[in-house]
Structures are given as C-alpha cells and as structure tokens.
Amino acid sequence: MKKEELMSIIGGSGITSAMLSSIVKIGDIILDLGRSLGSAIRRIYKGKLC
C-alpha cells in the first residue's frame, strides 16, 4: 500500500463488548480488593486476627 492509502485508513475506535466486559471485570476486581482490604483493616483494628 502507498503512504497515502495508509493515511486514509480509519480504525475501529468504538467500544466493543469484549472491551466493556474487561472494564466490568476490572471494576469487580477493584471492588473485591477494597472489601478485602477493609476487612483486614477492621480485623487488625479490633484485634480479631485468625
């Protein structure tokens, strides 16, 4: 392909279902980490370690 043809290519910049699913999974992971961290801090603060 020539340089002019390469410059005119428009790629897909839309949100795909796979991208949306990955974002949701990342959100779930962050939420779970927050819950675990909060529980650990609460257990340490109250002195109820296993």
PDB file of N, CA and C in Angstrom:
ATOM      1  N   MET A   1       0.836  -1.177   0.000  1.00  0.00           N
ATOM      2  CA  MET A   1       0.000   0.000   0.000  1.00  0.00           C
ATOM      3  C   MET A   1       0.878   1.236   0.000  1.00  0.00           C
ATOM      4  N   LYS A   2       0.367   2.260  -0.600  1.00  0.00           N
ATOM      5  CA  LYS A   2       1.087   3.527  -0.624  1.00  0.00           C
ATOM      6  C   LYS A   2       0.846   4.293   0.663  1.00  0.00           C
ATOM      7  N   LYS A   3       1.712   5.261   0.902  1.00  0.00           N
ATOM      8  CA  LYS A   3       1.619   6.046   2.125  1.00  0.00           C
ATOM      9  C   LYS A   3       0.284   6.790   2.205  1.00  0.00           C
ATOM     10  N   GLU A   4      -0.219   7.268   1.077  1.00  0.00           N
ATOM     11  CA  GLU A   4      -1.493   7.998   1.065  1.00  0.00           C
ATOM     12  C   GLU A   4      -2.644   7.075   1.448  1.00  0.00           C
ATOM     13  N   GLU A   5      -2.590   5.831   0.996  1.00  0.00           N
ATOM     14  CA  GLU A   5      -3.639   4.872   1.334  1.00  0.00           C
ATOM     15  C   GLU A   5      -3.581   4.504   2.816  1.00  0.00           C
ATOM     16  N   LEU A   6      -2.370   4.368   3.341  1.00  0.00           N
ATOM     17  CA  LEU A   6      -2.223   4.047   4.753  1.00  0.00           C
ATOM     18  C   LEU A   6      -2.740   5.173   5.642  1.00  0.00           C
ATOM     19  N   MET A   7      -2.560   6.409   5.211  1.00  0.00           N
ATOM     20  CA  MET A   7      -3.013   7.553   5.988  1.00  0.00           C
ATOM     21  C   MET A   7      -4.537   7.660   6.000  1.00  0.00           C
ATOM     22  N   SER A   8      -5.209   7.096   5.001  1.00  0.00           N
ATOM     23  CA  SER A   8      -6.658   7.234   4.914  1.00  0.00           C
ATOM     24  C   SER A   8      -7.411   6.112   5.631  1.00  0.00           C
ATOM     25  N   ILE A   9      -6.703   5.147   6.208  1.00  0.00           N
ATOM     26  CA  ILE A   9      -7.351   4.045   6.911  1.00  0.00           C
ATOM     27  C   ILE A   9      -7.894   4.552   8.250  1.00  0.00           C
ATOM     28  N   ILE A  10      -9.159   4.245   8.495  1.00  0.00           N
ATOM     29  CA  ILE A  10      -9.794   4.626   9.756  1.00  0.00           C
ATOM     30  C   ILE A  10     -10.057   3.347  10.535  1.00  0.00           C
ATOM     31  N   GLY A  11      -9.475   3.264  11.711  1.00  0.00           N
ATOM     32  CA  GLY A  11      -9.608   2.054  12.528  1.00  0.00           C
ATOM     33  C   GLY A  11     -10.828   2.097  13.421  1.00  0.00           C
ATOM     34  N   GLY A  12     -11.133   0.959  13.990  1.00  0.00           N
ATOM     35  CA  GLY A  12     -12.275   0.866  14.893  1.00  0.00           C
ATOM     36  C   GLY A  12     -11.948   1.453  16.248  1.00  0.00           C
ATOM     37  N   SER A  13     -12.600   2.530  16.583  1.00  0.00           N
ATOM     38  CA  SER A  13     -12.355   3.152  17.881  1.00  0.00           C
ATOM     39  C   SER A  13     -13.584   3.072  18.769  1.00  0.00           C
ATOM     40  N   GLY A  14     -14.532   2.236  18.396  1.00  0.00           N
ATOM     41  CA  GLY A  14     -15.745   2.095  19.189  1.00  0.00           C
ATOM     42  C   GLY A  14     -15.538   1.146  20.358  1.00  0.00           C
ATOM     43  N   ILE A  15     -16.496   1.141  21.245  1.00  0.00           N
ATOM     44  CA  ILE A  15     -16.442   0.257  22.407  1.00  0.00           C
ATOM     45  C   ILE A  15     -17.040  -1.086  22.009  1.00  0.00           C
ATOM     46  N   THR A  16     -16.266  -2.125  22.143  1.00  0.00           N
ATOM     47  CA  THR A  16     -16.734  -3.463  21.809  1.00  0.00           C
ATOM     48  C   THR A  16     -17.234  -4.155  23.072  1.00  0.00           C
ATOM     49  N   SER A  17     -17.946  -5.236  22.898  1.00  0.00           N
ATOM     50  CA  SER A  17     -18.458  -5.965  24.051  1.00  0.00           C
ATOM     51  C   SER A  17     -17.314  -6.577  24.864  1.00  0.00           C
ATOM     52  N   ALA A  18     -16.255  -6.987  24.201  1.00  0.00           N
ATOM     53  CA  ALA A  18     -15.103  -7.540  24.922  1.00  0.00           C
ATOM     54  C   ALA A  18     -14.439  -6.468  25.783  1.00  0.00           C
ATOM     55  N   MET A  19     -14.341  -5.256  25.245  1.00  0.00           N
ATOM     56  CA  MET A  19     -13.743  -4.160  25.998  1.00  0.00           C
ATOM     57  C   MET A  19     -14.618  -3.807  27.198  1.00  0.00           C
ATOM     58  N   LEU A  20     -15.921  -3.762  26.984  1.00  0.00           N
ATOM     59  CA  LEU A  20     -16.846  -3.451  28.069  1.00  0.00           C
ATOM     60  C   LEU A  20     -16.803  -4.531  29.144  1.00  0.00           C
ATOM     61  N   SER A  21     -16.724  -5.775  28.741  1.00  0.00           N
ATOM     62  CA  SER A  21     -16.629  -6.885  29.686  1.00  0.00           C
ATOM     63  C   SER A  21     -15.345  -6.788  30.499  1.00  0.00           C
ATOM     64  N   SER A  22     -14.261  -6.427  29.866  1.00  0.00           N
ATOM     65  CA  SER A  22     -12.983  -6.278  30.578  1.00  0.00           C
ATOM     66  C   SER A  22     -13.048  -5.149  31.593  1.00  0.00           C
ATOM     67  N   ILE A  23     -13.694  -4.056  31.234  1.00  0.00           N
ATOM     68  CA  ILE A  23     -13.825  -2.925  32.152  1.00  0.00           C
ATOM     69  C   ILE A  23     -14.647  -3.335  33.366  1.00  0.00           C
ATOM     70  N   VAL A  24     -15.719  -4.078  33.157  1.00  0.00           N
ATOM     71  CA  VAL A  24     -16.555  -4.541  34.257  1.00  0.00           C
ATOM     72  C   VAL A  24     -15.769  -5.494  35.163  1.00  0.00           C
ATOM     73  N   LYS A  25     -14.980  -6.390  34.560  1.00  0.00           N
ATOM     74  CA  LYS A  25     -14.171  -7.318  35.359  1.00  0.00           C
ATOM     75  C   LYS A  25     -13.136  -6.567  36.189  1.00  0.00           C
ATOM     76  N   ILE A  26     -12.529  -5.540  35.617  1.00  0.00           N
ATOM     77  CA  ILE A  26     -11.557  -4.732  36.357  1.00  0.00           C
ATOM     78  C   ILE A  26     -12.246  -4.048  37.535  1.00  0.00           C
ATOM     79  N   GLY A  27     -13.454  -3.540  37.289  1.00  0.00           N
ATOM     80  CA  GLY A  27     -14.218  -2.917  38.372  1.00  0.00           C
ATOM     81  C   GLY A  27     -14.525  -3.905  39.483  1.00  0.00           C
ATOM     82  N   ASP A  28     -14.899  -5.120  39.122  1.00  0.00           N
ATOM     83  CA  ASP A  28     -15.172  -6.153  40.127  1.00  0.00           C
ATOM     84  C   ASP A  28     -13.922  -6.485  40.938  1.00  0.00           C
ATOM     85  N   ILE A  29     -12.794  -6.573  40.266  1.00  0.00           N
ATOM     86  CA  ILE A  29     -11.532  -6.879  40.958  1.00  0.00           C
ATOM     87  C   ILE A  29     -11.189  -5.769  41.940  1.00  0.00           C
ATOM     88  N   ILE A  30     -11.341  -4.517  41.523  1.00  0.00           N
ATOM     89  CA  ILE A  30     -11.037  -3.385  42.403  1.00  0.00           C
ATOM     90  C   ILE A  30     -11.985  -3.387  43.602  1.00  0.00           C
ATOM     91  N   LEU A  31     -13.258  -3.678  43.368  1.00  0.00           N
ATOM     92  CA  LEU A  31     -14.235  -3.735  44.457  1.00  0.00           C
ATOM     93  C   LEU A  31     -13.888  -4.848  45.441  1.00  0.00           C
ATOM     94  N   ASP A  32     -13.524  -6.015  44.938  1.00  0.00           N
ATOM     95  CA  ASP A  32     -13.140  -7.129  45.815  1.00  0.00           C
ATOM     96  C   ASP A  32     -11.885  -6.802  46.621  1.00  0.00           C
ATOM     97  N   LEU A  33     -10.922  -6.155  45.979  1.00  0.00           N
ATOM     98  CA  LEU A  33      -9.710  -5.758  46.704  1.00  0.00           C
ATOM     99  C   LEU A  33     -10.037  -4.776  47.816  1.00  0.00           C
ATOM    100  N   GLY A  34     -10.936  -3.847  47.538  1.00  0.00           N
ATOM    101  CA  GLY A  34     -11.349  -2.880  48.555  1.00  0.00           C
ATOM    102  C   GLY A  34     -12.036  -3.550  49.728  1.00  0.00           C
ATOM    103  N   ARG A  35     -12.900  -4.500  49.435  1.00  0.00           N
ATOM    104  CA  ARG A  35     -13.580  -5.230  50.509  1.00  0.00           C
ATOM    105  C   ARG A  35     -12.578  -6.009  51.350  1.00  0.00           C
ATOM    106  N   SER A  36     -11.659  -6.696  50.691  1.00  0.00           N
ATOM    107  CA  SER A  36     -10.652  -7.486  51.420  1.00  0.00           C
ATOM    108  C   SER A  36      -9.772  -6.588  52.279  1.00  0.00           C
ATOM    109  N   LEU A  37      -9.351  -5.482  51.719  1.00  0.00           N
ATOM    110  CA  LEU A  37      -8.503  -4.559  52.460  1.00  0.00           C
ATOM    111  C   LEU A  37      -9.260  -3.968  53.641  1.00  0.00           C
ATOM    112  N   GLY A  38     -10.512  -3.596  53.427  1.00  0.00           N
ATOM    113  CA  GLY A  38     -11.326  -3.049  54.516  1.00  0.00           C
ATOM    114  C   GLY A  38     -11.537  -4.061  55.627  1.00  0.00           C
ATOM    115  N   SER A  39     -11.796  -5.301  55.247  1.00  0.00           N
ATOM    116  CA  SER A  39     -11.984  -6.351  56.255  1.00  0.00           C
ATOM    117  C   SER A  39     -10.693  -6.582  57.040  1.00  0.00           C
ATOM    118  N   ALA A  40      -9.571  -6.596  56.350  1.00  0.00           N
ATOM    119  CA  ALA A  40      -8.284  -6.804  57.022  1.00  0.00           C
ATOM    120  C   ALA A  40      -7.992  -5.663  57.989  1.00  0.00           C
ATOM    121  N   ILE A  41      -8.255  -4.443  57.566  1.00  0.00           N
ATOM    122  CA  ILE A  41      -8.008  -3.291  58.449  1.00  0.00           C
ATOM    123  C   ILE A  41      -8.925  -3.355  59.663  1.00  0.00           C
ATOM    124  N   ARG A  42     -10.193  -3.718  59.459  1.00  0.00           N
ATOM    125  CA  ARG A  42     -11.140  -3.813  60.570  1.00  0.00           C
ATOM    126  C   ARG A  42     -10.734  -4.910  61.551  1.00  0.00           C
ATOM    127  N   ARG A  43     -10.289  -6.068  61.027  1.00  0.00           N
ATOM    128  CA  ARG A  43      -9.864  -7.159  61.915  1.00  0.00           C
ATOM    129  C   ARG A  43      -8.637  -6.767  62.718  1.00  0.00           C
ATOM    130  N   ILE A  44      -7.696  -6.096  62.082  1.00  0.00           N
ATOM    131  CA  ILE A  44      -6.487  -5.663  62.794  1.00  0.00           C
ATOM    132  C   ILE A  44      -6.849  -4.621  63.848  1.00  0.00           C
ATOM    133  N   TYR A  45      -7.728  -3.687  63.492  1.00  0.00           N
ATOM    134  CA  TYR A  45      -8.118  -2.622  64.409  1.00  0.00           C
ATOM    135  C   TYR A  45      -8.836  -3.180  65.635  1.00  0.00           C
ATOM    136  N   LYS A  46      -9.714  -4.167  65.430  1.00  0.00           N
ATOM    137  CA  LYS A  46     -10.469  -4.751  66.539  1.00  0.00           C
ATOM    138  C   LYS A  46      -9.699  -5.880  67.232  1.00  0.00           C
ATOM    139  N   GLY A  47      -8.562  -6.292  66.685  1.00  0.00           N
ATOM    140  CA  GLY A  47      -7.740  -7.320  67.304  1.00  0.00           C
ATOM    141  C   GLY A  47      -8.304  -8.723  67.159  1.00  0.00           C
ATOM    142  N   LYS A  48      -9.083  -8.963  66.115  1.00  0.00           N
ATOM    143  CA  LYS A  48      -9.667 -10.275  65.890  1.00  0.00           C
ATOM    144  C   LYS A  48      -8.985 -10.983  64.721  1.00  0.00           C
ATOM    145  N   LEU A  49      -7.718 -11.265  64.897  1.00  0.00           N
ATOM    146  CA  LEU A  49      -6.970 -11.965  63.861  1.00  0.00           C
ATOM    147  C   LEU A  49      -7.136 -13.464  64.028  1.00  0.00           C
ATOM    148  N   CYS A  50      -7.088 -14.182  62.939  1.00  0.00           N
ATOM    149  CA  CYS A  50      -7.244 -15.641  62.985  1.00  0.00           C
ATOM    150  C   CYS A  50      -6.016 -16.285  63.580  1.00  0.00           C
TER     151      CYS A  50
END
